[in-house]
Amino acid sequence: MKHTYIEVFDLGDSVICDICGADYTASNESGGFLFGSYAYCPKCAVESLKAIHQYNEQKYIKEFCPPNLSFREWCLQLRAGENTIRMIMTKNESN
């Protein structure tokens, strides 16, 4: 029998880069962008921009972090209070 489980994790005010996993919770560094639904930190944004242009994928950059905001503040604004991650898992279980 197949069962689907949904686990919800509350991140609070934590901000982690979706690409490299760097923790920006206590950082005031500005930069980065939203590529699709992934938040690229300032470092990953610089490292990835050349390849994004090379593959003509700049249309997937939805928004850049404004220079007057830290990456952390910007990510929290993007979340608009929805600070959770949902993981959907399926398990095959026998009775």
Protein backbone atom coordinates (compact mmCIF):
# COMPACT_ATOMS: atom_id res chain seq x y z
CA MET A 1 0.00 0.00 0.00
CA LYS A 2 1.31 3.44 -0.90
CA HIS A 3 1.07 6.27 1.65
CA THR A 4 1.83 9.93 1.06
CA TYR A 5 3.16 12.05 3.91
CA ILE A 6 3.55 15.80 3.99
CA GLU A 7 6.00 17.25 6.47
CA VAL A 8 6.07 20.97 7.13
CA PHE A 9 9.17 22.70 8.49
CA ASP A 10 9.00 26.26 9.79
CA LEU A 11 12.14 28.19 8.84
CA GLY A 12 11.32 31.24 10.92
CA ASP A 13 13.66 34.07 9.89
CA SER A 14 16.40 31.74 8.61
CA VAL A 15 17.64 32.47 5.11
CA ILE A 16 19.64 29.82 3.27
CA CYS A 17 20.77 30.06 -0.37
CA ASP A 18 18.77 27.61 -2.48
CA ILE A 19 21.85 26.80 -4.56
CA CYS A 20 24.87 26.48 -2.25
CA GLY A 21 23.16 26.21 1.14
CA ALA A 22 25.09 29.16 2.64
CA ASP A 23 23.42 30.66 5.71
CA TYR A 24 22.56 34.36 5.29
CA THR A 25 20.45 34.63 8.45
CA ALA A 26 22.93 36.98 10.16
CA SER A 27 24.32 38.59 6.99
CA ASN A 28 23.80 42.14 5.76
CA GLU A 29 25.26 41.37 2.32
CA SER A 30 23.18 42.55 -0.62
CA GLY A 31 22.84 40.94 -4.04
CA GLY A 32 21.39 37.85 -5.59
CA PHE A 33 18.32 37.11 -7.66
CA LEU A 34 15.28 34.89 -7.98
CA PHE A 35 15.72 32.36 -10.79
CA GLY A 36 12.43 30.57 -11.25
CA SER A 37 11.56 29.81 -7.65
CA TYR A 38 15.18 29.55 -6.45
CA ALA A 39 16.85 32.34 -4.47
CA TYR A 40 20.48 32.68 -5.59
CA CYS A 41 22.71 34.30 -2.93
CA PRO A 42 25.08 37.14 -3.93
CA LYS A 43 27.98 34.70 -4.49
CA CYS A 44 25.97 32.16 -6.52
CA ALA A 45 24.40 34.96 -8.56
CA VAL A 46 27.80 36.21 -9.69
CA GLU A 47 29.07 32.69 -10.39
CA SER A 48 25.94 31.63 -12.33
CA LEU A 49 25.11 34.73 -14.35
CA LYS A 50 27.56 33.97 -17.18
CA ALA A 51 26.12 30.47 -17.73
CA ILE A 52 22.56 31.80 -17.50
CA HIS A 53 23.31 34.28 -20.30
CA GLN A 54 25.26 31.67 -22.28
CA TYR A 55 22.21 29.40 -22.32
CA ASN A 56 19.85 32.34 -22.95
CA GLU A 57 17.97 31.64 -19.71
CA GLN A 58 17.92 35.20 -18.35
CA LYS A 59 14.14 35.21 -18.90
CA TYR A 60 13.91 32.94 -15.83
CA ILE A 61 15.40 35.64 -13.59
CA LYS A 62 12.21 37.01 -12.05
CA GLU A 63 13.70 39.64 -9.77
CA PHE A 64 17.02 41.02 -8.52
CA CYS A 65 17.70 41.88 -4.89
CA PRO A 66 17.50 45.69 -4.60
CA PRO A 67 20.84 47.28 -3.64
CA ASN A 68 19.29 48.92 -0.56
CA LEU A 69 18.24 45.53 0.94
CA SER A 70 20.28 42.67 2.29
CA PHE A 71 19.76 39.28 0.64
CA ARG A 72 18.22 38.16 3.94
CA GLU A 73 15.69 41.02 4.11
CA TRP A 74 14.81 40.58 0.45
CA CYS A 75 14.18 36.83 0.83
CA LEU A 76 11.97 37.44 3.85
CA GLN A 77 9.97 39.98 1.83
CA LEU A 78 9.59 37.49 -1.01
CA ARG A 79 8.23 34.92 1.44
CA ALA A 80 5.65 37.41 2.71
CA GLY A 81 5.31 35.55 6.01
CA GLU A 82 5.17 32.07 4.44
CA ASN A 83 8.31 30.73 6.11
CA THR A 84 7.69 27.02 5.69
CA ILE A 85 9.03 24.24 3.51
CA ARG A 86 6.78 21.34 2.60
CA MET A 87 8.24 17.95 1.85
CA ILE A 88 6.00 15.40 0.19
CA MET A 89 7.14 11.82 0.64
CA THR A 90 5.64 8.58 -0.57
CA LYS A 91 6.29 5.28 1.14
CA ASN A 92 5.33 1.80 0.11
CA GLU A 93 4.16 -0.06 3.20
CA SER A 94 2.87 -3.55 3.54
CA ASN A 95 0.15 -4.52 5.99
